[in-house]
Amino acid sequence: RRQQQHPRKKRRKADPLHHAKKEAERRKAEQSQLESQKLANEKAEGRKQHSRKVRARKLMKRTRRGQPVMKNVIGDMLSKIKSDM
């Protein structure tokens, strides 16, 4: 009869650091998410600065007589109107 019974498997001990490991893993994932978000924000800010610089350069252009180039001014106004709609 004893031979027919299945041999018992050794019981695994509970990991005393299980909770700490889970917490560390969660923090690491959170940190990587924040890092990627920060990187995306920096990229977006760089694009905004570049477009601002280009726009300012266009609006600063002057004719030989010192008047602003109307093509650039009107184009800027038109783009503002389009973006508001």
PDB file of N, CA and C in Angstrom:
ATOM      1  N   ARG A   1       0.808  -1.195   0.000  1.00  0.00           N
ATOM      2  CA  ARG A   1       0.000   0.000   0.000  1.00  0.00           C
ATOM      3  C   ARG A   1       0.856   1.266   0.000  1.00  0.00           C
ATOM      4  N   ARG A   2       1.876   1.303   0.774  1.00  0.00           N
ATOM      5  CA  ARG A   2       2.711   2.493   0.851  1.00  0.00           C
ATOM      6  C   ARG A   2       3.394   2.793  -0.484  1.00  0.00           C
ATOM      7  N   GLN A   3       3.723   1.788  -1.222  1.00  0.00           N
ATOM      8  CA  GLN A   3       4.387   1.995  -2.493  1.00  0.00           C
ATOM      9  C   GLN A   3       3.449   2.590  -3.529  1.00  0.00           C
ATOM     10  N   GLN A   4       2.175   2.399  -3.418  1.00  0.00           N
ATOM     11  CA  GLN A   4       1.218   2.926  -4.382  1.00  0.00           C
ATOM     12  C   GLN A   4       1.026   4.431  -4.203  1.00  0.00           C
ATOM     13  N   GLN A   5       1.249   4.943  -3.035  1.00  0.00           N
ATOM     14  CA  GLN A   5       1.085   6.380  -2.814  1.00  0.00           C
ATOM     15  C   GLN A   5       2.167   7.142  -3.582  1.00  0.00           C
ATOM     16  N   HIS A   6       1.767   8.328  -4.025  1.00  0.00           N
ATOM     17  CA  HIS A   6       2.727   9.157  -4.764  1.00  0.00           C
ATOM     18  C   HIS A   6       3.748   9.727  -3.792  1.00  0.00           C
ATOM     19  N   PRO A   7       4.991   9.768  -4.221  1.00  0.00           N
ATOM     20  CA  PRO A   7       5.991  10.354  -3.329  1.00  0.00           C
ATOM     21  C   PRO A   7       5.716  11.857  -3.181  1.00  0.00           C
ATOM     22  N   ARG A   8       5.843  12.328  -1.993  1.00  0.00           N
ATOM     23  CA  ARG A   8       5.556  13.747  -1.747  1.00  0.00           C
ATOM     24  C   ARG A   8       6.669  14.606  -2.324  1.00  0.00           C
ATOM     25  N   LYS A   9       6.240  15.719  -2.901  1.00  0.00           N
ATOM     26  CA  LYS A   9       7.217  16.652  -3.424  1.00  0.00           C
ATOM     27  C   LYS A   9       7.690  17.529  -2.282  1.00  0.00           C
ATOM     28  N   LYS A  10       8.910  17.962  -2.391  1.00  0.00           N
ATOM     29  CA  LYS A  10       9.437  18.846  -1.358  1.00  0.00           C
ATOM     30  C   LYS A  10       8.739  20.186  -1.494  1.00  0.00           C
ATOM     31  N   ARG A  11       8.378  20.707  -0.390  1.00  0.00           N
ATOM     32  CA  ARG A  11       7.668  21.989  -0.375  1.00  0.00           C
ATOM     33  C   ARG A  11       8.694  23.117  -0.522  1.00  0.00           C
ATOM     34  N   ARG A  12       8.403  24.038  -1.428  1.00  0.00           N
ATOM     35  CA  ARG A  12       9.323  25.157  -1.630  1.00  0.00           C
ATOM     36  C   ARG A  12       9.139  26.170  -0.498  1.00  0.00           C
ATOM     37  N   LYS A  13      10.237  26.707  -0.053  1.00  0.00           N
ATOM     38  CA  LYS A  13      10.165  27.702   1.002  1.00  0.00           C
ATOM     39  C   LYS A  13       9.705  29.031   0.403  1.00  0.00           C
ATOM     40  N   ALA A  14       8.960  29.776   1.171  1.00  0.00           N
ATOM     41  CA  ALA A  14       8.505  31.084   0.720  1.00  0.00           C
ATOM     42  C   ALA A  14       9.701  32.033   0.665  1.00  0.00           C
ATOM     43  N   ASP A  15       9.727  32.849  -0.366  1.00  0.00           N
ATOM     44  CA  ASP A  15      10.816  33.801  -0.526  1.00  0.00           C
ATOM     45  C   ASP A  15      10.616  34.963   0.445  1.00  0.00           C
ATOM     46  N   PRO A  16      11.539  35.180   1.355  1.00  0.00           N
ATOM     47  CA  PRO A  16      11.358  36.262   2.330  1.00  0.00           C
ATOM     48  C   PRO A  16      11.442  37.655   1.693  1.00  0.00           C
ATOM     49  N   LEU A  17      12.032  37.740   0.513  1.00  0.00           N
ATOM     50  CA  LEU A  17      12.186  39.038  -0.160  1.00  0.00           C
ATOM     51  C   LEU A  17      11.181  39.230  -1.293  1.00  0.00           C
ATOM     52  N   HIS A  18      10.171  38.393  -1.324  1.00  0.00           N
ATOM     53  CA  HIS A  18       9.195  38.444  -2.420  1.00  0.00           C
ATOM     54  C   HIS A  18       8.543  39.819  -2.524  1.00  0.00           C
ATOM     55  N   HIS A  19       8.091  40.339  -1.409  1.00  0.00           N
ATOM     56  CA  HIS A  19       7.413  41.637  -1.401  1.00  0.00           C
ATOM     57  C   HIS A  19       8.370  42.749  -1.847  1.00  0.00           C
ATOM     58  N   ALA A  20       9.598  42.716  -1.363  1.00  0.00           N
ATOM     59  CA  ALA A  20      10.591  43.733  -1.706  1.00  0.00           C
ATOM     60  C   ALA A  20      10.942  43.672  -3.196  1.00  0.00           C
ATOM     61  N   LYS A  21      11.044  42.449  -3.734  1.00  0.00           N
ATOM     62  CA  LYS A  21      11.348  42.296  -5.154  1.00  0.00           C
ATOM     63  C   LYS A  21      10.216  42.853  -6.011  1.00  0.00           C
ATOM     64  N   LYS A  22       8.981  42.564  -5.623  1.00  0.00           N
ATOM     65  CA  LYS A  22       7.818  43.084  -6.357  1.00  0.00           C
ATOM     66  C   LYS A  22       7.821  44.605  -6.349  1.00  0.00           C
ATOM     67  N   GLU A  23       8.098  45.175  -5.187  1.00  0.00           N
ATOM     68  CA  GLU A  23       8.121  46.631  -5.031  1.00  0.00           C
ATOM     69  C   GLU A  23       9.225  47.243  -5.900  1.00  0.00           C
ATOM     70  N   ALA A  24      10.397  46.621  -5.903  1.00  0.00           N
ATOM     71  CA  ALA A  24      11.520  47.113  -6.698  1.00  0.00           C
ATOM     72  C   ALA A  24      11.191  47.041  -8.186  1.00  0.00           C
ATOM     73  N   GLU A  25      10.555  45.962  -8.586  1.00  0.00           N
ATOM     74  CA  GLU A  25      10.166  45.793  -9.989  1.00  0.00           C
ATOM     75  C   GLU A  25       9.152  46.864 -10.401  1.00  0.00           C
ATOM     76  N   ARG A  26       8.197  47.133  -9.504  1.00  0.00           N
ATOM     77  CA  ARG A  26       7.188  48.151  -9.792  1.00  0.00           C
ATOM     78  C   ARG A  26       7.836  49.529  -9.927  1.00  0.00           C
ATOM     79  N   ARG A  27       8.753  49.830  -9.018  1.00  0.00           N
ATOM     80  CA  ARG A  27       9.443  51.125  -9.054  1.00  0.00           C
ATOM     81  C   ARG A  27      10.275  51.280 -10.323  1.00  0.00           C
ATOM     82  N   LYS A  28      10.926  50.188 -10.714  1.00  0.00           N
ATOM     83  CA  LYS A  28      11.767  50.226 -11.909  1.00  0.00           C
ATOM     84  C   LYS A  28      10.913  50.497 -13.145  1.00  0.00           C
ATOM     85  N   ALA A  29       9.753  49.840 -13.232  1.00  0.00           N
ATOM     86  CA  ALA A  29       8.848  50.056 -14.359  1.00  0.00           C
ATOM     87  C   ALA A  29       8.335  51.493 -14.366  1.00  0.00           C
ATOM     88  N   GLU A  30       8.004  51.994 -13.196  1.00  0.00           N
ATOM     89  CA  GLU A  30       7.517  53.373 -13.071  1.00  0.00           C
ATOM     90  C   GLU A  30       8.600  54.362 -13.498  1.00  0.00           C
ATOM     91  N   GLN A  31       9.830  54.091 -13.074  1.00  0.00           N
ATOM     92  CA  GLN A  31      10.954  54.962 -13.407  1.00  0.00           C
ATOM     93  C   GLN A  31      11.208  54.983 -14.911  1.00  0.00           C
ATOM     94  N   SER A  32      11.155  53.817 -15.546  1.00  0.00           N
ATOM     95  CA  SER A  32      11.394  53.766 -16.991  1.00  0.00           C
ATOM     96  C   SER A  32      10.276  54.482 -17.751  1.00  0.00           C
ATOM     97  N   GLN A  33       9.058  54.381 -17.236  1.00  0.00           N
ATOM     98  CA  GLN A  33       7.940  55.080 -17.869  1.00  0.00           C
ATOM     99  C   GLN A  33       8.133  56.598 -17.759  1.00  0.00           C
ATOM    100  N   LEU A  34       8.540  57.066 -16.578  1.00  0.00           N
ATOM    101  CA  LEU A  34       8.791  58.497 -16.393  1.00  0.00           C
ATOM    102  C   LEU A  34       9.925  58.977 -17.298  1.00  0.00           C
ATOM    103  N   GLU A  35      10.957  58.149 -17.440  1.00  0.00           N
ATOM    104  CA  GLU A  35      12.101  58.496 -18.279  1.00  0.00           C
ATOM    105  C   GLU A  35      11.675  58.642 -19.741  1.00  0.00           C
ATOM    106  N   SER A  36      10.863  57.703 -20.225  1.00  0.00           N
ATOM    107  CA  SER A  36      10.413  57.781 -21.617  1.00  0.00           C
ATOM    108  C   SER A  36       9.494  58.976 -21.826  1.00  0.00           C
ATOM    109  N   GLN A  37       8.677  59.275 -20.828  1.00  0.00           N
ATOM    110  CA  GLN A  37       7.787  60.428 -20.912  1.00  0.00           C
ATOM    111  C   GLN A  37       8.606  61.731 -20.950  1.00  0.00           C
ATOM    112  N   LYS A  38       9.642  61.788 -20.134  1.00  0.00           N
ATOM    113  CA  LYS A  38      10.504  62.969 -20.090  1.00  0.00           C
ATOM    114  C   LYS A  38      11.205  63.168 -21.431  1.00  0.00           C
ATOM    115  N   LEU A  39      11.661  62.073 -22.021  1.00  0.00           N
ATOM    116  CA  LEU A  39      12.334  62.131 -23.317  1.00  0.00           C
ATOM    117  C   LEU A  39      11.387  62.644 -24.399  1.00  0.00           C
ATOM    118  N   ALA A  40      10.148  62.159 -24.377  1.00  0.00           N
ATOM    119  CA  ALA A  40       9.157  62.607 -25.355  1.00  0.00           C
ATOM    120  C   ALA A  40       8.859  64.094 -25.179  1.00  0.00           C
ATOM    121  N   ASN A  41       8.769  64.543 -23.922  1.00  0.00           N
ATOM    122  CA  ASN A  41       8.524  65.963 -23.655  1.00  0.00           C
ATOM    123  C   ASN A  41       9.675  66.828 -24.159  1.00  0.00           C
ATOM    124  N   GLU A  42      10.905  66.358 -23.963  1.00  0.00           N
ATOM    125  CA  GLU A  42      12.068  67.106 -24.429  1.00  0.00           C
ATOM    126  C   GLU A  42      12.072  67.219 -25.948  1.00  0.00           C
ATOM    127  N   LYS A  43      11.704  66.134 -26.630  1.00  0.00           N
ATOM    128  CA  LYS A  43      11.642  66.160 -28.096  1.00  0.00           C
ATOM    129  C   LYS A  43      10.600  67.165 -28.567  1.00  0.00           C
ATOM    130  N   ALA A  44       9.430  67.126 -27.934  1.00  0.00           N
ATOM    131  CA  ALA A  44       8.353  68.037 -28.313  1.00  0.00           C
ATOM    132  C   ALA A  44       8.772  69.486 -28.075  1.00  0.00           C
ATOM    133  N   GLU A  45       9.442  69.727 -26.962  1.00  0.00           N
ATOM    134  CA  GLU A  45       9.901  71.085 -26.647  1.00  0.00           C
ATOM    135  C   GLU A  45      10.923  71.557 -27.680  1.00  0.00           C
ATOM    136  N   GLY A  46      11.799  70.667 -28.093  1.00  0.00           N
ATOM    137  CA  GLY A  46      12.799  71.002 -29.124  1.00  0.00           C
ATOM    138  C   GLY A  46      12.138  71.379 -30.441  1.00  0.00           C
ATOM    139  N   ARG A  47      11.114  70.621 -30.822  1.00  0.00           N
ATOM    140  CA  ARG A  47      10.387  70.927 -32.064  1.00  0.00           C
ATOM    141  C   ARG A  47       9.693  72.283 -31.960  1.00  0.00           C
ATOM    142  N   LYS A  48       9.078  72.556 -30.790  1.00  0.00           N
ATOM    143  CA  LYS A  48       8.401  73.838 -30.596  1.00  0.00           C
ATOM    144  C   LYS A  48       9.389  74.994 -30.708  1.00  0.00           C
ATOM    145  N   GLN A  49      10.540  74.851 -30.063  1.00  0.00           N
ATOM    146  CA  GLN A  49      11.538  75.913 -30.106  1.00  0.00           C
ATOM    147  C   GLN A  49      12.013  76.164 -31.529  1.00  0.00           C
ATOM    148  N   HIS A  50      12.227  75.082 -32.266  1.00  0.00           N
ATOM    149  CA  HIS A  50      12.680  75.212 -33.646  1.00  0.00           C
ATOM    150  C   HIS A  50      11.643  75.958 -34.483  1.00  0.00           C
ATOM    151  N   SER A  51      10.377  75.582 -34.343  1.00  0.00           N
ATOM    152  CA  SER A  51       9.341  76.239 -35.137  1.00  0.00           C
ATOM    153  C   SER A  51       9.202  77.716 -34.735  1.00  0.00           C
ATOM    154  N   ARG A  52       9.347  77.999 -33.439  1.00  0.00           N
ATOM    155  CA  ARG A  52       9.299  79.393 -32.985  1.00  0.00           C
ATOM    156  C   ARG A  52      10.431  80.210 -33.596  1.00  0.00           C
ATOM    157  N   LYS A  53      11.614  79.595 -33.638  1.00  0.00           N
ATOM    158  CA  LYS A  53      12.782  80.281 -34.182  1.00  0.00           C
ATOM    159  C   LYS A  53      12.590  80.583 -35.666  1.00  0.00           C
ATOM    160  N   VAL A  54      12.074  79.601 -36.407  1.00  0.00           N
ATOM    161  CA  VAL A  54      11.842  79.780 -37.839  1.00  0.00           C
ATOM    162  C   VAL A  54      10.809  80.871 -38.066  1.00  0.00           C
ATOM    163  N   ARG A  55       9.734  80.841 -37.280  1.00  0.00           N
ATOM    164  CA  ARG A  55       8.670  81.837 -37.415  1.00  0.00           C
ATOM    165  C   ARG A  55       9.207  83.242 -37.127  1.00  0.00           C
ATOM    166  N   ALA A  56       9.983  83.380 -36.063  1.00  0.00           N
ATOM    167  CA  ALA A  56      10.539  84.681 -35.694  1.00  0.00           C
ATOM    168  C   ALA A  56      11.472  85.197 -36.788  1.00  0.00           C
ATOM    169  N   ARG A  57      12.273  84.282 -37.348  1.00  0.00           N
ATOM    170  CA  ARG A  57      13.202  84.675 -38.413  1.00  0.00           C
ATOM    171  C   ARG A  57      12.437  85.212 -39.619  1.00  0.00           C
ATOM    172  N   LYS A  58      11.323  84.530 -39.953  1.00  0.00           N
ATOM    173  CA  LYS A  58      10.504  84.983 -41.087  1.00  0.00           C
ATOM    174  C   LYS A  58       9.904  86.358 -40.819  1.00  0.00           C
ATOM    175  N   LEU A  59       9.367  86.535 -39.607  1.00  0.00           N
ATOM    176  CA  LEU A  59       8.701  87.801 -39.297  1.00  0.00           C
ATOM    177  C   LEU A  59       9.694  88.958 -39.137  1.00  0.00           C
ATOM    178  N   MET A  60      10.957  88.663 -38.873  1.00  0.00           N
ATOM    179  CA  MET A  60      11.966  89.712 -38.721  1.00  0.00           C
ATOM    180  C   MET A  60      12.488  90.211 -40.068  1.00  0.00           C
ATOM    181  N   LYS A  61      12.245  89.437 -41.138  1.00  0.00           N
ATOM    182  CA  LYS A  61      12.775  89.836 -42.441  1.00  0.00           C
ATOM    183  C   LYS A  61      12.192  91.178 -42.861  1.00  0.00           C
ATOM    184  N   ARG A  62      13.046  91.989 -43.477  1.00  0.00           N
ATOM    185  CA  ARG A  62      12.653  93.333 -43.910  1.00  0.00           C
ATOM    186  C   ARG A  62      13.045  93.553 -45.372  1.00  0.00           C
ATOM    187  N   THR A  63      12.350  94.481 -45.981  1.00  0.00           N
ATOM    188  CA  THR A  63      12.706  94.867 -47.349  1.00  0.00           C
ATOM    189  C   THR A  63      13.913  95.803 -47.279  1.00  0.00           C
ATOM    190  N   ARG A  64      14.370  96.231 -48.440  1.00  0.00           N
ATOM    191  CA  ARG A  64      15.519  97.140 -48.450  1.00  0.00           C
ATOM    192  C   ARG A  64      15.192  98.468 -47.770  1.00  0.00           C
ATOM    193  N   ARG A  65      13.929  98.829 -47.799  1.00  0.00           N
ATOM    194  CA  ARG A  65      13.522 100.114 -47.206  1.00  0.00           C
ATOM    195  C   ARG A  65      13.134  99.977 -45.726  1.00  0.00           C
ATOM    196  N   GLY A  66      13.263  98.781 -45.185  1.00  0.00           N
ATOM    197  CA  GLY A  66      13.019  98.595 -43.758  1.00  0.00           C
ATOM    198  C   GLY A  66      11.613  98.160 -43.401  1.00  0.00           C
ATOM    199  N   GLN A  67      10.777  97.925 -44.410  1.00  0.00           N
ATOM    200  CA  GLN A  67       9.404  97.490 -44.142  1.00  0.00           C
ATOM    201  C   GLN A  67       9.379  95.963 -43.982  1.00  0.00           C
ATOM    202  N   PRO A  68       8.448  95.443 -43.165  1.00  0.00           N
ATOM    203  CA  PRO A  68       8.361  93.980 -43.035  1.00  0.00           C
ATOM    204  C   PRO A  68       7.891  93.346 -44.347  1.00  0.00           C
ATOM    205  N   VAL A  69       8.360  92.130 -44.618  1.00  0.00           N
ATOM    206  CA  VAL A  69       7.955  91.416 -45.827  1.00  0.00           C
ATOM    207  C   VAL A  69       6.517  90.946 -45.619  1.00  0.00           C
ATOM    208  N   MET A  70       5.599  91.511 -46.398  1.00  0.00           N
ATOM    209  CA  MET A  70       4.171  91.253 -46.200  1.00  0.00           C
ATOM    210  C   MET A  70       3.795  89.796 -46.449  1.00  0.00           C
ATOM    211  N   LYS A  71       4.489  89.150 -47.365  1.00  0.00           N
ATOM    212  CA  LYS A  71       4.185  87.738 -47.658  1.00  0.00           C
ATOM    213  C   LYS A  71       4.296  86.902 -46.384  1.00  0.00           C
ATOM    214  N   ASN A  72       5.354  87.145 -45.615  1.00  0.00           N
ATOM    215  CA  ASN A  72       5.565  86.390 -44.375  1.00  0.00           C
ATOM    216  C   ASN A  72       4.540  86.761 -43.310  1.00  0.00           C
ATOM    217  N   VAL A  73       4.214  88.033 -43.189  1.00  0.00           N
ATOM    218  CA  VAL A  73       3.272  88.494 -42.170  1.00  0.00           C
ATOM    219  C   VAL A  73       1.884  87.928 -42.440  1.00  0.00           C
ATOM    220  N   ILE A  74       1.433  88.036 -43.703  1.00  0.00           N
ATOM    221  CA  ILE A  74       0.099  87.554 -44.064  1.00  0.00           C
ATOM    222  C   ILE A  74       0.035  86.032 -43.955  1.00  0.00           C
ATOM    223  N   GLY A  75       1.103  85.360 -44.374  1.00  0.00           N
ATOM    224  CA  GLY A  75       1.148  83.900 -44.247  1.00  0.00           C
ATOM    225  C   GLY A  75       1.042  83.457 -42.798  1.00  0.00           C
ATOM    226  N   ASP A  76       1.697  84.197 -41.900  1.00  0.00           N
ATOM    227  CA  ASP A  76       1.641  83.886 -40.466  1.00  0.00           C
ATOM    228  C   ASP A  76       0.220  84.073 -39.934  1.00  0.00           C
ATOM    229  N   MET A  77      -0.409  85.184 -40.318  1.00  0.00           N
ATOM    230  CA  MET A  77      -1.796  85.436 -39.883  1.00  0.00           C
ATOM    231  C   MET A  77      -2.727  84.327 -40.383  1.00  0.00           C
ATOM    232  N   LEU A  78      -2.535  83.928 -41.635  1.00  0.00           N
ATOM    233  CA  LEU A  78      -3.377  82.874 -42.225  1.00  0.00           C
ATOM    234  C   LEU A  78      -3.195  81.565 -41.477  1.00  0.00           C
ATOM    235  N   SER A  79      -1.960  81.222 -41.132  1.00  0.00           N
ATOM    236  CA  SER A  79      -1.730  79.970 -40.406  1.00  0.00           C
ATOM    237  C   SER A  79      -2.342  80.017 -39.009  1.00  0.00           C
ATOM    238  N   LYS A  80      -2.322  81.205 -38.370  1.00  0.00           N
ATOM    239  CA  LYS A  80      -2.958  81.354 -37.057  1.00  0.00           C
ATOM    240  C   LYS A  80      -4.460  81.127 -37.166  1.00  0.00           C
ATOM    241  N   ILE A  81      -5.061  81.712 -38.182  1.00  0.00           N
ATOM    242  CA  ILE A  81      -6.512  81.559 -38.378  1.00  0.00           C
ATOM    243  C   ILE A  81      -6.857  80.097 -38.631  1.00  0.00           C
ATOM    244  N   LYS A  82      -6.059  79.426 -39.466  1.00  0.00           N
ATOM    245  CA  LYS A  82      -6.321  78.012 -39.765  1.00  0.00           C
ATOM    246  C   LYS A  82      -6.197  77.144 -38.517  1.00  0.00           C
ATOM    247  N   SER A  83      -5.212  77.451 -37.684  1.00  0.00           N
ATOM    248  CA  SER A  83      -4.999  76.629 -36.478  1.00  0.00           C
ATOM    249  C   SER A  83      -6.126  76.845 -35.455  1.00  0.00           C
ATOM    250  N   ASP A  84      -6.735  78.030 -35.435  1.00  0.00           N
ATOM    251  CA  ASP A  84      -7.830  78.305 -34.501  1.00  0.00           C
ATOM    252  C   ASP A  84      -9.111  77.588 -34.890  1.00  0.00           C
ATOM    253  N   MET A  85      -9.276  77.322 -36.149  1.00  0.00           N
ATOM    254  CA  MET A  85     -10.536  76.699 -36.603  1.00  0.00           C
ATOM    255  C   MET A  85     -10.577  75.235 -36.336  1.00  0.00           C
TER     256      MET A  85
END
